[in-house]
Amino acid sequence: MRTRSKHAYELIVRKNDSDNDLFILVTGVNGKVWVRGWIRACDCKKPDWLQSHANREPAYFVPHSELLTMQTLKMAVA
């Protein structure tokens, strides 16, 4: 699971994250959270999503629209 403090923030996946990992994005703070959806790391590593912010190592920033619904997660891990 990856968390972001602001609802507008995208899921961050790093180059060294295992392609087999599943990521669930949860946004918010102080108990006011929103489970946005999930995606496999291998599906995140698209050149168009690779960005670098504030002189940090580049990472993949996955748009919310690309996340799968939580209802599909059970089928994916079965």
C-alpha atoms as a PDB file:
ATOM      1  CA  MET A   1       0.000   0.000   0.000  1.00  0.00           C
ATOM      2  CA  ARG A   2       1.178   3.500  -0.755  1.00  0.00           C
ATOM      3  CA  THR A   3      -0.284   6.554   0.918  1.00  0.00           C
ATOM      4  CA  ARG A   4      -0.343  10.171  -0.193  1.00  0.00           C
ATOM      5  CA  SER A   5      -1.419  13.077   1.990  1.00  0.00           C
ATOM      6  CA  LYS A   6      -3.426  14.936  -0.642  1.00  0.00           C
ATOM      7  CA  HIS A   7      -6.312  13.468  -2.627  1.00  0.00           C
ATOM      8  CA  ALA A   8      -4.997  14.891  -5.907  1.00  0.00           C
ATOM      9  CA  TYR A   9      -1.606  13.184  -5.570  1.00  0.00           C
ATOM     10  CA  GLU A  10      -0.864  10.231  -7.816  1.00  0.00           C
ATOM     11  CA  LEU A  11       0.508   6.813  -6.931  1.00  0.00           C
ATOM     12  CA  ILE A  12       4.317   6.715  -6.873  1.00  0.00           C
ATOM     13  CA  VAL A  13       6.089   3.575  -8.053  1.00  0.00           C
ATOM     14  CA  ARG A  14       9.871   3.506  -7.995  1.00  0.00           C
ATOM     15  CA  LYS A  15      12.167   1.900 -10.559  1.00  0.00           C
ATOM     16  CA  ASN A  16      13.455  -0.611  -8.000  1.00  0.00           C
ATOM     17  CA  ASP A  17       9.963  -1.760  -6.923  1.00  0.00           C
ATOM     18  CA  SER A  18       9.466  -5.386  -7.889  1.00  0.00           C
ATOM     19  CA  ASP A  19       7.375  -5.845 -11.028  1.00  0.00           C
ATOM     20  CA  ASN A  20       5.389  -8.517  -9.158  1.00  0.00           C
ATOM     21  CA  ASP A  21       4.256  -6.131  -6.402  1.00  0.00           C
ATOM     22  CA  LEU A  22       0.692  -4.872  -6.176  1.00  0.00           C
ATOM     23  CA  PHE A  23       0.114  -1.291  -5.077  1.00  0.00           C
ATOM     24  CA  ILE A  24      -3.011   0.128  -3.486  1.00  0.00           C
ATOM     25  CA  LEU A  25      -3.225   3.919  -3.390  1.00  0.00           C
ATOM     26  CA  VAL A  26      -4.804   5.492  -0.308  1.00  0.00           C
ATOM     27  CA  THR A  27      -5.017   9.286  -0.119  1.00  0.00           C
ATOM     28  CA  GLY A  28      -5.773  11.569   2.811  1.00  0.00           C
ATOM     29  CA  VAL A  29      -4.813  12.105   6.444  1.00  0.00           C
ATOM     30  CA  ASN A  30      -6.235  11.949   9.969  1.00  0.00           C
ATOM     31  CA  GLY A  31      -8.754   9.224   9.249  1.00  0.00           C
ATOM     32  CA  LYS A  32     -10.204  11.028   6.224  1.00  0.00           C
ATOM     33  CA  VAL A  33      -8.895   8.662   3.611  1.00  0.00           C
ATOM     34  CA  TRP A  34      -9.955   7.441   0.204  1.00  0.00           C
ATOM     35  CA  VAL A  35      -8.933   4.073  -1.216  1.00  0.00           C
ATOM     36  CA  ARG A  36      -8.322   5.030  -4.842  1.00  0.00           C
ATOM     37  CA  GLY A  37      -7.602   1.658  -6.428  1.00  0.00           C
ATOM     38  CA  TRP A  38      -4.775  -0.713  -7.225  1.00  0.00           C
ATOM     39  CA  ILE A  39      -2.326  -1.681  -9.979  1.00  0.00           C
ATOM     40  CA  ARG A  40       0.584  -4.082 -10.548  1.00  0.00           C
ATOM     41  CA  ALA A  41       4.047  -2.490 -10.534  1.00  0.00           C
ATOM     42  CA  CYS A  42       4.864  -3.955 -13.954  1.00  0.00           C
ATOM     43  CA  ASP A  43       1.912  -2.008 -15.404  1.00  0.00           C
ATOM     44  CA  CYS A  44       3.160   1.247 -13.871  1.00  0.00           C
ATOM     45  CA  LYS A  45       6.553   1.442 -15.473  1.00  0.00           C
ATOM     46  CA  LYS A  46       5.575   3.392 -18.566  1.00  0.00           C
ATOM     47  CA  PRO A  47       7.961   5.995 -19.983  1.00  0.00           C
ATOM     48  CA  ASP A  48       5.174   8.604 -20.103  1.00  0.00           C
ATOM     49  CA  TRP A  49       4.685   8.312 -16.339  1.00  0.00           C
ATOM     50  CA  LEU A  50       8.365   8.677 -15.402  1.00  0.00           C
ATOM     51  CA  GLN A  51       8.946  12.035 -13.691  1.00  0.00           C
ATOM     52  CA  SER A  52      11.359  13.670 -11.304  1.00  0.00           C
ATOM     53  CA  HIS A  53      10.239  16.226  -8.727  1.00  0.00           C
ATOM     54  CA  ALA A  54      12.303  18.376  -6.360  1.00  0.00           C
ATOM     55  CA  ASN A  55      15.636  16.907  -7.473  1.00  0.00           C
ATOM     56  CA  ARG A  56      14.589  13.423  -6.356  1.00  0.00           C
ATOM     57  CA  GLU A  57      15.273  10.204  -8.209  1.00  0.00           C
ATOM     58  CA  PRO A  58      12.797   9.712 -11.074  1.00  0.00           C
ATOM     59  CA  ALA A  59       9.722   7.626 -10.270  1.00  0.00           C
ATOM     60  CA  TYR A  60       6.541   6.596 -12.036  1.00  0.00           C
ATOM     61  CA  PHE A  61       3.508   8.733 -11.181  1.00  0.00           C
ATOM     62  CA  VAL A  62       0.378   6.742 -11.966  1.00  0.00           C
ATOM     63  CA  PRO A  63      -2.803   8.732 -12.708  1.00  0.00           C
ATOM     64  CA  HIS A  64      -5.892   7.811 -10.697  1.00  0.00           C
ATOM     65  CA  SER A  65      -7.710   7.015 -13.934  1.00  0.00           C
ATOM     66  CA  GLU A  66      -5.304   4.106 -14.547  1.00  0.00           C
ATOM     67  CA  LEU A  67      -5.952   2.408 -11.206  1.00  0.00           C
ATOM     68  CA  LEU A  68      -8.184  -0.645 -11.131  1.00  0.00           C
ATOM     69  CA  THR A  69     -11.209  -0.831  -8.850  1.00  0.00           C
ATOM     70  CA  MET A  70     -10.862  -2.572  -5.525  1.00  0.00           C
ATOM     71  CA  GLN A  71     -13.603  -5.014  -6.561  1.00  0.00           C
ATOM     72  CA  THR A  72     -11.202  -6.502  -9.136  1.00  0.00           C
ATOM     73  CA  LEU A  73      -8.366  -7.060  -6.654  1.00  0.00           C
ATOM     74  CA  LYS A  74      -9.754 -10.320  -5.269  1.00  0.00           C
ATOM     75  CA  MET A  75      -9.859 -11.854  -8.756  1.00  0.00           C
ATOM     76  CA  ALA A  76      -6.309 -10.704  -9.498  1.00  0.00           C
ATOM     77  CA  VAL A  77      -4.753 -12.359  -6.466  1.00  0.00           C
ATOM     78  CA  ALA A  78      -6.771 -15.590  -6.688  1.00  0.00           C
END
